[in-house]
Amino acid sequence: MITLRLDSELEQNINKIAHKMGVTKSELIRKSITAFIEKIEHPSPWELGHDLFGKFASGKDNLSQDRKSIIKEKIRAK
């Protein structure tokens, strides 16, 4: 058994969400902890490689996000 103290705002949020979901606060907390542990133990492919994507071919790490502005700059430079 675990006992923990929550600030009033967090406890109110837990109460609201548990009520909306139709579960007890304990069940909501158990599900939340289980989901967190699962996410830590089994990260998504993106989480595993996010620091590697798009960095090595050009040396820029923003190609996928800024592709349109980068292409426009290249066209204007010609």
N, C-alpha and C. Protein backbone atom coordinates (compact mmCIF):
# COMPACT_ATOMS: atom_id res chain seq x y z
N MET A 1 0.85 -1.18 0.00
CA MET A 1 0.00 0.00 0.00
C MET A 1 0.89 1.24 0.00
N ILE A 2 0.45 2.24 -0.73
CA ILE A 2 1.16 3.51 -0.83
C ILE A 2 0.23 4.62 -0.37
N THR A 3 0.77 5.53 0.38
CA THR A 3 0.04 6.72 0.79
C THR A 3 0.79 7.91 0.24
N LEU A 4 0.06 8.87 -0.33
CA LEU A 4 0.73 10.06 -0.82
C LEU A 4 -0.12 11.28 -0.58
N ARG A 5 0.54 12.41 -0.55
CA ARG A 5 -0.16 13.68 -0.34
C ARG A 5 -0.22 14.43 -1.67
N LEU A 6 -1.37 14.99 -1.95
CA LEU A 6 -1.58 15.74 -3.18
C LEU A 6 -1.97 17.16 -2.84
N ASP A 7 -1.53 18.10 -3.67
CA ASP A 7 -2.01 19.46 -3.46
C ASP A 7 -3.49 19.51 -3.85
N SER A 8 -4.19 20.50 -3.36
CA SER A 8 -5.65 20.55 -3.53
C SER A 8 -6.05 20.63 -5.01
N GLU A 9 -5.29 21.34 -5.82
CA GLU A 9 -5.63 21.47 -7.24
C GLU A 9 -5.54 20.12 -7.95
N LEU A 10 -4.49 19.37 -7.69
CA LEU A 10 -4.34 18.05 -8.30
C LEU A 10 -5.44 17.11 -7.82
N GLU A 11 -5.76 17.16 -6.56
CA GLU A 11 -6.82 16.31 -6.04
C GLU A 11 -8.16 16.65 -6.67
N GLN A 12 -8.44 17.92 -6.88
CA GLN A 12 -9.68 18.33 -7.53
C GLN A 12 -9.73 17.82 -8.97
N ASN A 13 -8.61 17.92 -9.68
CA ASN A 13 -8.56 17.41 -11.05
C ASN A 13 -8.80 15.90 -11.07
N ILE A 14 -8.19 15.17 -10.15
CA ILE A 14 -8.40 13.73 -10.07
C ILE A 14 -9.87 13.42 -9.79
N ASN A 15 -10.47 14.16 -8.88
CA ASN A 15 -11.88 13.95 -8.57
C ASN A 15 -12.76 14.15 -9.80
N LYS A 16 -12.52 15.24 -10.53
CA LYS A 16 -13.33 15.55 -11.73
C LYS A 16 -13.17 14.47 -12.79
N ILE A 17 -11.95 14.10 -13.07
CA ILE A 17 -11.70 13.12 -14.14
C ILE A 17 -12.25 11.75 -13.75
N ALA A 18 -12.05 11.34 -12.51
CA ALA A 18 -12.58 10.06 -12.05
C ALA A 18 -14.10 10.04 -12.17
N HIS A 19 -14.72 11.14 -11.80
CA HIS A 19 -16.18 11.23 -11.91
C HIS A 19 -16.63 11.14 -13.37
N LYS A 20 -15.95 11.86 -14.27
CA LYS A 20 -16.29 11.82 -15.69
C LYS A 20 -16.13 10.42 -16.27
N MET A 21 -15.08 9.72 -15.82
CA MET A 21 -14.81 8.38 -16.34
C MET A 21 -15.65 7.31 -15.65
N GLY A 22 -16.28 7.64 -14.55
CA GLY A 22 -17.09 6.68 -13.82
C GLY A 22 -16.26 5.64 -13.07
N VAL A 23 -15.09 6.06 -12.60
CA VAL A 23 -14.22 5.16 -11.84
C VAL A 23 -13.88 5.82 -10.52
N THR A 24 -13.33 5.04 -9.61
CA THR A 24 -12.90 5.61 -8.34
C THR A 24 -11.57 6.35 -8.55
N LYS A 25 -11.25 7.19 -7.60
CA LYS A 25 -9.97 7.90 -7.66
C LYS A 25 -8.82 6.90 -7.65
N SER A 26 -8.94 5.87 -6.84
CA SER A 26 -7.89 4.85 -6.77
C SER A 26 -7.70 4.17 -8.11
N GLU A 27 -8.79 3.83 -8.78
CA GLU A 27 -8.70 3.17 -10.08
C GLU A 27 -8.06 4.11 -11.11
N LEU A 28 -8.44 5.37 -11.10
CA LEU A 28 -7.84 6.34 -12.01
C LEU A 28 -6.33 6.44 -11.78
N ILE A 29 -5.92 6.52 -10.54
CA ILE A 29 -4.50 6.63 -10.21
C ILE A 29 -3.76 5.37 -10.62
N ARG A 30 -4.36 4.18 -10.36
CA ARG A 30 -3.73 2.92 -10.78
C ARG A 30 -3.55 2.88 -12.29
N LYS A 31 -4.59 3.26 -13.03
CA LYS A 31 -4.50 3.26 -14.50
C LYS A 31 -3.44 4.25 -14.98
N SER A 32 -3.37 5.40 -14.34
CA SER A 32 -2.39 6.41 -14.73
C SER A 32 -0.96 5.92 -14.49
N ILE A 33 -0.73 5.32 -13.36
CA ILE A 33 0.60 4.81 -13.05
C ILE A 33 0.97 3.68 -13.99
N THR A 34 0.02 2.79 -14.26
CA THR A 34 0.27 1.69 -15.19
C THR A 34 0.62 2.21 -16.58
N ALA A 35 -0.13 3.21 -17.07
CA ALA A 35 0.15 3.79 -18.39
C ALA A 35 1.51 4.47 -18.41
N PHE A 36 1.88 5.15 -17.35
CA PHE A 36 3.18 5.81 -17.27
C PHE A 36 4.31 4.79 -17.31
N ILE A 37 4.18 3.73 -16.54
CA ILE A 37 5.21 2.69 -16.52
C ILE A 37 5.32 2.04 -17.89
N GLU A 38 4.21 1.75 -18.53
CA GLU A 38 4.22 1.16 -19.87
C GLU A 38 4.93 2.07 -20.87
N LYS A 39 4.67 3.37 -20.77
CA LYS A 39 5.31 4.33 -21.67
C LYS A 39 6.82 4.38 -21.44
N ILE A 40 7.24 4.30 -20.21
CA ILE A 40 8.67 4.32 -19.88
C ILE A 40 9.34 3.03 -20.34
N GLU A 41 8.69 1.90 -20.10
CA GLU A 41 9.28 0.61 -20.46
C GLU A 41 9.27 0.33 -21.96
N HIS A 42 8.28 0.88 -22.67
CA HIS A 42 8.14 0.63 -24.10
C HIS A 42 7.94 1.95 -24.86
N PRO A 43 8.99 2.73 -25.00
CA PRO A 43 8.84 4.00 -25.71
C PRO A 43 8.52 3.78 -27.19
N SER A 44 7.87 4.75 -27.78
CA SER A 44 7.51 4.66 -29.20
C SER A 44 8.77 4.80 -30.06
N PRO A 45 8.70 4.38 -31.31
CA PRO A 45 9.84 4.56 -32.21
C PRO A 45 10.30 6.01 -32.27
N TRP A 46 9.37 6.94 -32.27
CA TRP A 46 9.74 8.37 -32.31
C TRP A 46 10.54 8.74 -31.07
N GLU A 47 10.07 8.32 -29.90
CA GLU A 47 10.78 8.64 -28.66
C GLU A 47 12.18 8.03 -28.63
N LEU A 48 12.33 6.86 -29.23
CA LEU A 48 13.64 6.22 -29.26
C LEU A 48 14.63 6.95 -30.16
N GLY A 49 14.15 7.52 -31.26
CA GLY A 49 15.08 8.08 -32.23
C GLY A 49 14.92 9.55 -32.51
N HIS A 50 14.12 10.27 -31.72
CA HIS A 50 13.84 11.67 -32.05
C HIS A 50 15.10 12.53 -32.12
N ASP A 51 16.11 12.19 -31.38
CA ASP A 51 17.33 13.00 -31.43
C ASP A 51 18.19 12.66 -32.65
N LEU A 52 17.82 11.63 -33.40
CA LEU A 52 18.60 11.24 -34.58
C LEU A 52 17.95 11.68 -35.89
N PHE A 53 16.66 11.87 -35.90
CA PHE A 53 15.93 12.12 -37.14
C PHE A 53 16.30 13.47 -37.76
N GLY A 54 16.71 13.43 -39.01
CA GLY A 54 16.94 14.63 -39.78
C GLY A 54 18.21 15.39 -39.49
N LYS A 55 19.13 14.86 -38.75
CA LYS A 55 20.31 15.63 -38.36
C LYS A 55 21.56 15.34 -39.18
N PHE A 56 21.67 14.17 -39.77
CA PHE A 56 22.97 13.76 -40.27
C PHE A 56 23.24 14.08 -41.73
N ALA A 57 22.24 14.09 -42.58
CA ALA A 57 22.50 14.35 -43.99
C ALA A 57 22.92 15.80 -44.23
N SER A 58 22.27 16.73 -43.58
CA SER A 58 22.53 18.14 -43.84
C SER A 58 23.19 18.85 -42.66
N GLY A 59 23.12 18.24 -41.52
CA GLY A 59 23.62 18.90 -40.34
C GLY A 59 22.59 19.81 -39.69
N LYS A 60 21.42 19.94 -40.33
CA LYS A 60 20.34 20.76 -39.77
C LYS A 60 19.32 19.85 -39.10
N ASP A 61 18.86 20.24 -37.94
CA ASP A 61 17.90 19.40 -37.24
C ASP A 61 16.46 19.89 -37.40
N ASN A 62 16.23 20.87 -38.28
CA ASN A 62 14.90 21.44 -38.42
C ASN A 62 14.30 21.23 -39.82
N LEU A 63 14.84 20.32 -40.61
CA LEU A 63 14.40 20.18 -41.99
C LEU A 63 12.92 19.81 -42.12
N SER A 64 12.45 18.90 -41.32
CA SER A 64 11.06 18.49 -41.48
C SER A 64 10.10 19.59 -41.02
N GLN A 65 10.47 20.36 -40.04
CA GLN A 65 9.59 21.41 -39.54
C GLN A 65 9.63 22.66 -40.42
N ASP A 66 10.80 23.02 -40.92
CA ASP A 66 10.96 24.27 -41.66
C ASP A 66 11.19 24.05 -43.15
N ARG A 67 10.75 22.92 -43.68
CA ARG A 67 11.07 22.56 -45.06
C ARG A 67 10.59 23.60 -46.07
N LYS A 68 9.40 24.16 -45.87
CA LYS A 68 8.86 25.12 -46.84
C LYS A 68 9.71 26.39 -46.88
N SER A 69 10.06 26.93 -45.73
CA SER A 69 10.85 28.16 -45.72
C SER A 69 12.27 27.90 -46.24
N ILE A 70 12.81 26.72 -45.97
CA ILE A 70 14.15 26.38 -46.47
C ILE A 70 14.14 26.29 -47.99
N ILE A 71 13.11 25.67 -48.55
CA ILE A 71 13.00 25.55 -50.02
C ILE A 71 12.83 26.94 -50.63
N LYS A 72 12.00 27.77 -50.03
CA LYS A 72 11.80 29.13 -50.55
C LYS A 72 13.12 29.91 -50.55
N GLU A 73 13.89 29.78 -49.50
CA GLU A 73 15.18 30.48 -49.43
C GLU A 73 16.14 29.98 -50.52
N LYS A 74 16.14 28.68 -50.75
CA LYS A 74 17.00 28.11 -51.79
C LYS A 74 16.59 28.63 -53.17
N ILE A 75 15.29 28.70 -53.43
CA ILE A 75 14.80 29.18 -54.73
C ILE A 75 15.14 30.66 -54.90
N ARG A 76 14.96 31.46 -53.89
CA ARG A 76 15.27 32.89 -53.97
C ARG A 76 16.75 33.14 -54.18
N ALA A 77 17.57 32.26 -53.62
CA ALA A 77 19.03 32.44 -53.75
C ALA A 77 19.53 32.20 -55.15
N LYS A 78 18.75 31.53 -56.01
CA LYS A 78 19.20 31.22 -57.37
C LYS A 78 19.09 32.39 -58.30
